[in-house]
Amino acid sequence: MRVTALLFFVVGSAGCYGAAWDHTEVPPPPPPPPGALAQYCTYNGANDLGEVNAFLAAQARNGWELVSVGGQQASVYCFRSTARQ
């Protein structure tokens, strides 16, 4: 039982560690139908404020509103849909 628990711990820790270093940008999902809300989070590795502003402006044009930013190794941006009635 201890070996199995240790194995799950090691495998789970490795997966979480790997996910923390995966900075692949996640494309936004298709816009939801009017009246429905959706959200998504993605990474953006830009360090230049011009690039960040262009990224955020493109998201806004596609109907996504920025609701939070966070992260230490990379910036994680979370958006919600603006298609509300």
PDB file of N, CA and C in Angstrom:
ATOM      1  N   MET A   1       0.831  -1.203   0.000  1.00  0.00           N
ATOM      2  CA  MET A   1       0.000   0.000   0.000  1.00  0.00           C
ATOM      3  C   MET A   1       0.869   1.258   0.000  1.00  0.00           C
ATOM      4  N   ARG A   2       1.955   1.265   0.770  1.00  0.00           N
ATOM      5  CA  ARG A   2       2.832   2.426   0.821  1.00  0.00           C
ATOM      6  C   ARG A   2       3.508   2.668  -0.519  1.00  0.00           C
ATOM      7  N   VAL A   3       3.916   1.590  -1.175  1.00  0.00           N
ATOM      8  CA  VAL A   3       4.573   1.726  -2.472  1.00  0.00           C
ATOM      9  C   VAL A   3       3.605   2.312  -3.490  1.00  0.00           C
ATOM     10  N   THR A   4       2.362   1.873  -3.472  1.00  0.00           N
ATOM     11  CA  THR A   4       1.359   2.397  -4.398  1.00  0.00           C
ATOM     12  C   THR A   4       1.106   3.875  -4.122  1.00  0.00           C
ATOM     13  N   ALA A   5       0.975   4.236  -2.862  1.00  0.00           N
ATOM     14  CA  ALA A   5       0.747   5.637  -2.504  1.00  0.00           C
ATOM     15  C   ALA A   5       1.938   6.496  -2.912  1.00  0.00           C
ATOM     16  N   LEU A   6       3.141   5.990  -2.702  1.00  0.00           N
ATOM     17  CA  LEU A   6       4.331   6.730  -3.089  1.00  0.00           C
ATOM     18  C   LEU A   6       4.404   6.884  -4.608  1.00  0.00           C
ATOM     19  N   LEU A   7       4.053   5.838  -5.316  1.00  0.00           N
ATOM     20  CA  LEU A   7       4.059   5.891  -6.765  1.00  0.00           C
ATOM     21  C   LEU A   7       3.062   6.937  -7.280  1.00  0.00           C
ATOM     22  N   PHE A   8       1.848   6.967  -6.728  1.00  0.00           N
ATOM     23  CA  PHE A   8       0.859   7.969  -7.131  1.00  0.00           C
ATOM     24  C   PHE A   8       1.348   9.375  -6.817  1.00  0.00           C
ATOM     25  N   PHE A   9       2.009   9.536  -5.675  1.00  0.00           N
ATOM     26  CA  PHE A   9       2.532  10.848  -5.297  1.00  0.00           C
ATOM     27  C   PHE A   9       3.599  11.312  -6.290  1.00  0.00           C
ATOM     28  N   VAL A  10       4.524  10.439  -6.630  1.00  0.00           N
ATOM     29  CA  VAL A  10       5.610  10.795  -7.541  1.00  0.00           C
ATOM     30  C   VAL A  10       5.059  11.108  -8.932  1.00  0.00           C
ATOM     31  N   VAL A  11       4.175  10.259  -9.439  1.00  0.00           N
ATOM     32  CA  VAL A  11       3.606  10.491 -10.765  1.00  0.00           C
ATOM     33  C   VAL A  11       2.777  11.771 -10.781  1.00  0.00           C
ATOM     34  N   GLY A  12       1.958  11.980  -9.764  1.00  0.00           N
ATOM     35  CA  GLY A  12       1.150  13.199  -9.682  1.00  0.00           C
ATOM     36  C   GLY A  12       1.997  14.441  -9.567  1.00  0.00           C
ATOM     37  N   SER A  13       3.051  14.385  -8.766  1.00  0.00           N
ATOM     38  CA  SER A  13       3.943  15.538  -8.616  1.00  0.00           C
ATOM     39  C   SER A  13       4.648  15.858  -9.921  1.00  0.00           C
ATOM     40  N   ALA A  14       5.099  14.840 -10.625  1.00  0.00           N
ATOM     41  CA  ALA A  14       5.774  15.061 -11.906  1.00  0.00           C
ATOM     42  C   ALA A  14       4.825  15.703 -12.908  1.00  0.00           C
ATOM     43  N   GLY A  15       3.575  15.259 -12.928  1.00  0.00           N
ATOM     44  CA  GLY A  15       2.587  15.846 -13.837  1.00  0.00           C
ATOM     45  C   GLY A  15       2.319  17.302 -13.520  1.00  0.00           C
ATOM     46  N   CYS A  16       2.182  17.625 -12.250  1.00  0.00           N
ATOM     47  CA  CYS A  16       1.936  19.010 -11.851  1.00  0.00           C
ATOM     48  C   CYS A  16       3.148  19.884 -12.161  1.00  0.00           C
ATOM     49  N   TYR A  17       4.344  19.349 -11.909  1.00  0.00           N
ATOM     50  CA  TYR A  17       5.562  20.107 -12.186  1.00  0.00           C
ATOM     51  C   TYR A  17       5.672  20.375 -13.684  1.00  0.00           C
ATOM     52  N   GLY A  18       5.396  19.372 -14.487  1.00  0.00           N
ATOM     53  CA  GLY A  18       5.456  19.548 -15.939  1.00  0.00           C
ATOM     54  C   GLY A  18       4.423  20.542 -16.426  1.00  0.00           C
ATOM     55  N   ALA A  19       3.231  20.489 -15.866  1.00  0.00           N
ATOM     56  CA  ALA A  19       2.169  21.419 -16.269  1.00  0.00           C
ATOM     57  C   ALA A  19       2.529  22.849 -15.908  1.00  0.00           C
ATOM     58  N   ALA A  20       3.241  23.038 -14.808  1.00  0.00           N
ATOM     59  CA  ALA A  20       3.632  24.383 -14.391  1.00  0.00           C
ATOM     60  C   ALA A  20       4.615  25.009 -15.374  1.00  0.00           C
ATOM     61  N   TRP A  21       5.367  24.201 -16.094  1.00  0.00           N
ATOM     62  CA  TRP A  21       6.347  24.721 -17.044  1.00  0.00           C
ATOM     63  C   TRP A  21       5.832  24.719 -18.477  1.00  0.00           C
ATOM     64  N   ASP A  22       4.642  24.225 -18.706  1.00  0.00           N
ATOM     65  CA  ASP A  22       4.063  24.219 -20.045  1.00  0.00           C
ATOM     66  C   ASP A  22       3.403  25.565 -20.280  1.00  0.00           C
ATOM     67  N   HIS A  23       4.005  26.400 -21.108  1.00  0.00           N
ATOM     68  CA  HIS A  23       3.483  27.742 -21.349  1.00  0.00           C
ATOM     69  C   HIS A  23       2.869  27.857 -22.731  1.00  0.00           C
ATOM     70  N   THR A  24       2.206  26.806 -23.154  1.00  0.00           N
ATOM     71  CA  THR A  24       1.555  26.810 -24.458  1.00  0.00           C
ATOM     72  C   THR A  24       0.305  27.682 -24.400  1.00  0.00           C
ATOM     73  N   GLU A  25       0.201  28.606 -25.337  1.00  0.00           N
ATOM     74  CA  GLU A  25      -0.977  29.469 -25.369  1.00  0.00           C
ATOM     75  C   GLU A  25      -2.190  28.652 -25.780  1.00  0.00           C
ATOM     76  N   VAL A  26      -3.274  28.803 -25.026  1.00  0.00           N
ATOM     77  CA  VAL A  26      -4.517  28.082 -25.296  1.00  0.00           C
ATOM     78  C   VAL A  26      -5.402  28.987 -26.138  1.00  0.00           C
ATOM     79  N   PRO A  27      -5.819  28.547 -27.323  1.00  0.00           N
ATOM     80  CA  PRO A  27      -6.696  29.395 -28.135  1.00  0.00           C
ATOM     81  C   PRO A  27      -8.074  29.509 -27.477  1.00  0.00           C
ATOM     82  N   PRO A  28      -8.741  30.631 -27.677  1.00  0.00           N
ATOM     83  CA  PRO A  28     -10.061  30.785 -27.078  1.00  0.00           C
ATOM     84  C   PRO A  28     -11.059  29.817 -27.692  1.00  0.00           C
ATOM     85  N   PRO A  29     -12.027  29.399 -26.894  1.00  0.00           N
ATOM     86  CA  PRO A  29     -13.088  28.557 -27.449  1.00  0.00           C
ATOM     87  C   PRO A  29     -13.987  29.395 -28.347  1.00  0.00           C
ATOM     88  N   PRO A  30     -14.856  28.757 -29.115  1.00  0.00           N
ATOM     89  CA  PRO A  30     -15.790  29.533 -29.934  1.00  0.00           C
ATOM     90  C   PRO A  30     -16.678  30.391 -29.038  1.00  0.00           C
ATOM     91  N   PRO A  31     -17.096  31.546 -29.527  1.00  0.00           N
ATOM     92  CA  PRO A  31     -17.963  32.394 -28.714  1.00  0.00           C
ATOM     93  C   PRO A  31     -19.246  31.656 -28.325  1.00  0.00           C
ATOM     94  N   PRO A  32     -19.700  31.849 -27.103  1.00  0.00           N
ATOM     95  CA  PRO A  32     -20.946  31.198 -26.692  1.00  0.00           C
ATOM     96  C   PRO A  32     -22.142  31.882 -27.337  1.00  0.00           C
ATOM     97  N   PRO A  33     -23.275  31.215 -27.358  1.00  0.00           N
ATOM     98  CA  PRO A  33     -24.477  31.868 -27.903  1.00  0.00           C
ATOM     99  C   PRO A  33     -24.885  33.051 -27.019  1.00  0.00           C
ATOM    100  N   PRO A  34     -25.616  34.003 -27.579  1.00  0.00           N
ATOM    101  CA  PRO A  34     -26.054  35.156 -26.796  1.00  0.00           C
ATOM    102  C   PRO A  34     -26.761  34.720 -25.513  1.00  0.00           C
ATOM    103  N   GLY A  35     -26.413  35.376 -24.433  1.00  0.00           N
ATOM    104  CA  GLY A  35     -27.026  35.070 -23.140  1.00  0.00           C
ATOM    105  C   GLY A  35     -26.266  34.041 -22.337  1.00  0.00           C
ATOM    106  N   ALA A  36     -25.383  33.289 -22.961  1.00  0.00           N
ATOM    107  CA  ALA A  36     -24.594  32.276 -22.249  1.00  0.00           C
ATOM    108  C   ALA A  36     -23.242  32.874 -21.888  1.00  0.00           C
ATOM    109  N   LEU A  37     -22.722  32.478 -20.752  1.00  0.00           N
ATOM    110  CA  LEU A  37     -21.407  32.944 -20.322  1.00  0.00           C
ATOM    111  C   LEU A  37     -20.385  31.833 -20.500  1.00  0.00           C
ATOM    112  N   ALA A  38     -19.166  32.222 -20.795  1.00  0.00           N
ATOM    113  CA  ALA A  38     -18.065  31.266 -20.909  1.00  0.00           C
ATOM    114  C   ALA A  38     -16.823  31.943 -20.361  1.00  0.00           C
ATOM    115  N   GLN A  39     -15.853  31.141 -19.993  1.00  0.00           N
ATOM    116  CA  GLN A  39     -14.582  31.687 -19.543  1.00  0.00           C
ATOM    117  C   GLN A  39     -13.463  30.770 -20.006  1.00  0.00           C
ATOM    118  N   TYR A  40     -12.255  31.325 -20.067  1.00  0.00           N
ATOM    119  CA  TYR A  40     -11.081  30.512 -20.358  1.00  0.00           C
ATOM    120  C   TYR A  40      -9.846  31.259 -19.887  1.00  0.00           C
ATOM    121  N   CYS A  41      -8.795  30.517 -19.623  1.00  0.00           N
ATOM    122  CA  CYS A  41      -7.516  31.081 -19.221  1.00  0.00           C
ATOM    123  C   CYS A  41      -6.445  30.603 -20.185  1.00  0.00           C
ATOM    124  N   THR A  42      -5.431  31.425 -20.386  1.00  0.00           N
ATOM    125  CA  THR A  42      -4.346  31.077 -21.281  1.00  0.00           C
ATOM    126  C   THR A  42      -3.058  31.744 -20.823  1.00  0.00           C
ATOM    127  N   TYR A  43      -1.953  31.248 -21.321  1.00  0.00           N
ATOM    128  CA  TYR A  43      -0.655  31.874 -21.100  1.00  0.00           C
ATOM    129  C   TYR A  43      -0.383  32.826 -22.242  1.00  0.00           C
ATOM    130  N   ASN A  44       0.446  33.828 -21.964  1.00  0.00           N
ATOM    131  CA  ASN A  44       0.990  34.653 -23.020  1.00  0.00           C
ATOM    132  C   ASN A  44       2.395  35.011 -22.584  1.00  0.00           C
ATOM    133  N   GLY A  45       3.388  34.608 -23.338  1.00  0.00           N
ATOM    134  CA  GLY A  45       4.777  34.791 -22.944  1.00  0.00           C
ATOM    135  C   GLY A  45       5.370  36.137 -23.309  1.00  0.00           C
ATOM    136  N   ALA A  46       4.576  37.067 -23.791  1.00  0.00           N
ATOM    137  CA  ALA A  46       5.114  38.366 -24.195  1.00  0.00           C
ATOM    138  C   ALA A  46       5.610  39.154 -22.988  1.00  0.00           C
ATOM    139  N   ASN A  47       6.760  39.787 -23.147  1.00  0.00           N
ATOM    140  CA  ASN A  47       7.295  40.666 -22.106  1.00  0.00           C
ATOM    141  C   ASN A  47       7.192  42.129 -22.504  1.00  0.00           C
ATOM    142  N   ASP A  48       6.991  42.368 -23.777  1.00  0.00           N
ATOM    143  CA  ASP A  48       6.872  43.719 -24.296  1.00  0.00           C
ATOM    144  C   ASP A  48       5.439  44.204 -24.104  1.00  0.00           C
ATOM    145  N   LEU A  49       5.268  45.376 -23.509  1.00  0.00           N
ATOM    146  CA  LEU A  49       3.916  45.874 -23.243  1.00  0.00           C
ATOM    147  C   LEU A  49       3.119  46.111 -24.510  1.00  0.00           C
ATOM    148  N   GLY A  50       3.784  46.462 -25.599  1.00  0.00           N
ATOM    149  CA  GLY A  50       3.082  46.616 -26.877  1.00  0.00           C
ATOM    150  C   GLY A  50       2.477  45.302 -27.335  1.00  0.00           C
ATOM    151  N   GLU A  51       3.231  44.207 -27.186  1.00  0.00           N
ATOM    152  CA  GLU A  51       2.719  42.885 -27.558  1.00  0.00           C
ATOM    153  C   GLU A  51       1.570  42.465 -26.641  1.00  0.00           C
ATOM    154  N   VAL A  52       1.723  42.744 -25.349  1.00  0.00           N
ATOM    155  CA  VAL A  52       0.656  42.392 -24.397  1.00  0.00           C
ATOM    156  C   VAL A  52      -0.612  43.168 -24.725  1.00  0.00           C
ATOM    157  N   ASN A  53      -0.480  44.463 -24.995  1.00  0.00           N
ATOM    158  CA  ASN A  53      -1.652  45.276 -25.329  1.00  0.00           C
ATOM    159  C   ASN A  53      -2.304  44.810 -26.623  1.00  0.00           C
ATOM    160  N   ALA A  54      -1.494  44.422 -27.609  1.00  0.00           N
ATOM    161  CA  ALA A  54      -2.055  43.906 -28.867  1.00  0.00           C
ATOM    162  C   ALA A  54      -2.803  42.597 -28.617  1.00  0.00           C
ATOM    163  N   PHE A  55      -2.239  41.726 -27.777  1.00  0.00           N
ATOM    164  CA  PHE A  55      -2.904  40.460 -27.423  1.00  0.00           C
ATOM    165  C   PHE A  55      -4.239  40.735 -26.741  1.00  0.00           C
ATOM    166  N   LEU A  56      -4.247  41.648 -25.765  1.00  0.00           N
ATOM    167  CA  LEU A  56      -5.483  41.957 -25.037  1.00  0.00           C
ATOM    168  C   LEU A  56      -6.518  42.626 -25.944  1.00  0.00           C
ATOM    169  N   ALA A  57      -6.067  43.494 -26.842  1.00  0.00           N
ATOM    170  CA  ALA A  57      -6.997  44.146 -27.771  1.00  0.00           C
ATOM    171  C   ALA A  57      -7.622  43.119 -28.719  1.00  0.00           C
ATOM    172  N   ALA A  58      -6.830  42.157 -29.168  1.00  0.00           N
ATOM    173  CA  ALA A  58      -7.370  41.108 -30.048  1.00  0.00           C
ATOM    174  C   ALA A  58      -8.405  40.274 -29.314  1.00  0.00           C
ATOM    175  N   GLN A  59      -8.153  39.967 -28.043  1.00  0.00           N
ATOM    176  CA  GLN A  59      -9.124  39.199 -27.261  1.00  0.00           C
ATOM    177  C   GLN A  59     -10.420  39.992 -27.104  1.00  0.00           C
ATOM    178  N   ALA A  60     -10.307  41.290 -26.856  1.00  0.00           N
ATOM    179  CA  ALA A  60     -11.499  42.138 -26.697  1.00  0.00           C
ATOM    180  C   ALA A  60     -12.299  42.195 -28.001  1.00  0.00           C
ATOM    181  N   ARG A  61     -11.617  42.309 -29.129  1.00  0.00           N
ATOM    182  CA  ARG A  61     -12.317  42.330 -30.427  1.00  0.00           C
ATOM    183  C   ARG A  61     -13.056  41.025 -30.683  1.00  0.00           C
ATOM    184  N   ASN A  62     -12.555  39.937 -30.121  1.00  0.00           N
ATOM    185  CA  ASN A  62     -13.189  38.629 -30.305  1.00  0.00           C
ATOM    186  C   ASN A  62     -14.232  38.323 -29.230  1.00  0.00           C
ATOM    187  N   GLY A  63     -14.575  39.316 -28.406  1.00  0.00           N
ATOM    188  CA  GLY A  63     -15.653  39.141 -27.440  1.00  0.00           C
ATOM    189  C   GLY A  63     -15.235  38.608 -26.087  1.00  0.00           C
ATOM    190  N   TRP A  64     -13.954  38.750 -25.714  1.00  0.00           N
ATOM    191  CA  TRP A  64     -13.472  38.260 -24.422  1.00  0.00           C
ATOM    192  C   TRP A  64     -13.025  39.422 -23.554  1.00  0.00           C
ATOM    193  N   GLU A  65     -13.490  39.431 -22.307  1.00  0.00           N
ATOM    194  CA  GLU A  65     -13.182  40.481 -21.345  1.00  0.00           C
ATOM    195  C   GLU A  65     -12.175  39.949 -20.334  1.00  0.00           C
ATOM    196  N   LEU A  66     -11.087  40.679 -20.115  1.00  0.00           N
ATOM    197  CA  LEU A  66     -10.069  40.280 -19.148  1.00  0.00           C
ATOM    198  C   LEU A  66     -10.627  40.393 -17.736  1.00  0.00           C
ATOM    199  N   VAL A  67     -10.510  39.320 -16.947  1.00  0.00           N
ATOM    200  CA  VAL A  67     -11.007  39.360 -15.573  1.00  0.00           C
ATOM    201  C   VAL A  67      -9.907  39.143 -14.538  1.00  0.00           C
ATOM    202  N   SER A  68      -8.780  38.524 -14.932  1.00  0.00           N
ATOM    203  CA  SER A  68      -7.675  38.383 -13.981  1.00  0.00           C
ATOM    204  C   SER A  68      -6.375  38.069 -14.694  1.00  0.00           C
ATOM    205  N   VAL A  69      -5.283  38.419 -14.016  1.00  0.00           N
ATOM    206  CA  VAL A  69      -3.930  38.138 -14.499  1.00  0.00           C
ATOM    207  C   VAL A  69      -3.144  37.640 -13.299  1.00  0.00           C
ATOM    208  N   GLY A  70      -2.316  36.629 -13.512  1.00  0.00           N
ATOM    209  CA  GLY A  70      -1.489  36.135 -12.407  1.00  0.00           C
ATOM    210  C   GLY A  70      -0.356  35.289 -12.933  1.00  0.00           C
ATOM    211  N   GLY A  71       0.465  34.818 -12.013  1.00  0.00           N
ATOM    212  CA  GLY A  71       1.552  33.918 -12.374  1.00  0.00           C
ATOM    213  C   GLY A  71       2.896  34.422 -11.905  1.00  0.00           C
ATOM    214  N   GLN A  72       3.832  33.493 -11.760  1.00  0.00           N
ATOM    215  CA  GLN A  72       5.200  33.839 -11.387  1.00  0.00           C
ATOM    216  C   GLN A  72       6.160  33.579 -12.537  1.00  0.00           C
ATOM    217  N   GLN A  73       6.099  32.404 -13.129  1.00  0.00           N
ATOM    218  CA  GLN A  73       7.001  32.046 -14.224  1.00  0.00           C
ATOM    219  C   GLN A  73       6.482  32.523 -15.573  1.00  0.00           C
ATOM    220  N   ALA A  74       5.206  32.729 -15.679  1.00  0.00           N
ATOM    221  CA  ALA A  74       4.578  33.205 -16.912  1.00  0.00           C
ATOM    222  C   ALA A  74       3.266  33.877 -16.532  1.00  0.00           C
ATOM    223  N   SER A  75       2.792  34.747 -17.391  1.00  0.00           N
ATOM    224  CA  SER A  75       1.535  35.429 -17.115  1.00  0.00           C
ATOM    225  C   SER A  75       0.364  34.584 -17.594  1.00  0.00           C
ATOM    226  N   VAL A  76      -0.581  34.393 -16.698  1.00  0.00           N
ATOM    227  CA  VAL A  76      -1.809  33.673 -17.023  1.00  0.00           C
ATOM    228  C   VAL A  76      -2.925  34.716 -17.078  1.00  0.00           C
ATOM    229  N   TYR A  77      -3.613  34.755 -18.204  1.00  0.00           N
ATOM    230  CA  TYR A  77      -4.700  35.699 -18.408  1.00  0.00           C
ATOM    231  C   TYR A  77      -6.011  34.923 -18.428  1.00  0.00           C
ATOM    232  N   CYS A  78      -6.985  35.364 -17.631  1.00  0.00           N
ATOM    233  CA  CYS A  78      -8.302  34.726 -17.617  1.00  0.00           C
ATOM    234  C   CYS A  78      -9.328  35.714 -18.160  1.00  0.00           C
ATOM    235  N   PHE A  79     -10.189  35.191 -19.017  1.00  0.00           N
ATOM    236  CA  PHE A  79     -11.188  35.995 -19.712  1.00  0.00           C
ATOM    237  C   PHE A  79     -12.572  35.405 -19.498  1.00  0.00           C
ATOM    238  N   ARG A  80     -13.583  36.252 -19.665  1.00  0.00           N
ATOM    239  CA  ARG A  80     -14.969  35.767 -19.730  1.00  0.00           C
ATOM    240  C   ARG A  80     -15.590  36.389 -20.976  1.00  0.00           C
ATOM    241  N   SER A  81     -16.603  35.719 -21.452  1.00  0.00           N
ATOM    242  CA  SER A  81     -17.258  36.198 -22.671  1.00  0.00           C
ATOM    243  C   SER A  81     -18.012  37.477 -22.392  1.00  0.00           C
ATOM    244  N   THR A  82     -18.115  38.314 -23.406  1.00  0.00           N
ATOM    245  CA  THR A  82     -18.868  39.560 -23.259  1.00  0.00           C
ATOM    246  C   THR A  82     -20.226  39.456 -23.929  1.00  0.00           C
ATOM    247  N   ALA A  83     -20.562  38.284 -24.465  1.00  0.00           N
ATOM    248  CA  ALA A  83     -21.854  38.083 -25.133  1.00  0.00           C
ATOM    249  C   ALA A  83     -22.926  37.836 -24.100  1.00  0.00           C
ATOM    250  N   ARG A  84     -23.421  38.892 -23.512  1.00  0.00           N
ATOM    251  CA  ARG A  84     -24.480  38.785 -22.500  1.00  0.00           C
ATOM    252  C   ARG A  84     -25.688  39.563 -22.953  1.00  0.00           C
ATOM    253  N   GLN A  85     -26.846  39.144 -22.483  1.00  0.00           N
ATOM    254  CA  GLN A  85     -28.080  39.890 -22.797  1.00  0.00           C
ATOM    255  C   GLN A  85     -28.649  40.472 -21.542  1.00  0.00           C
TER     256      GLN A  85
END
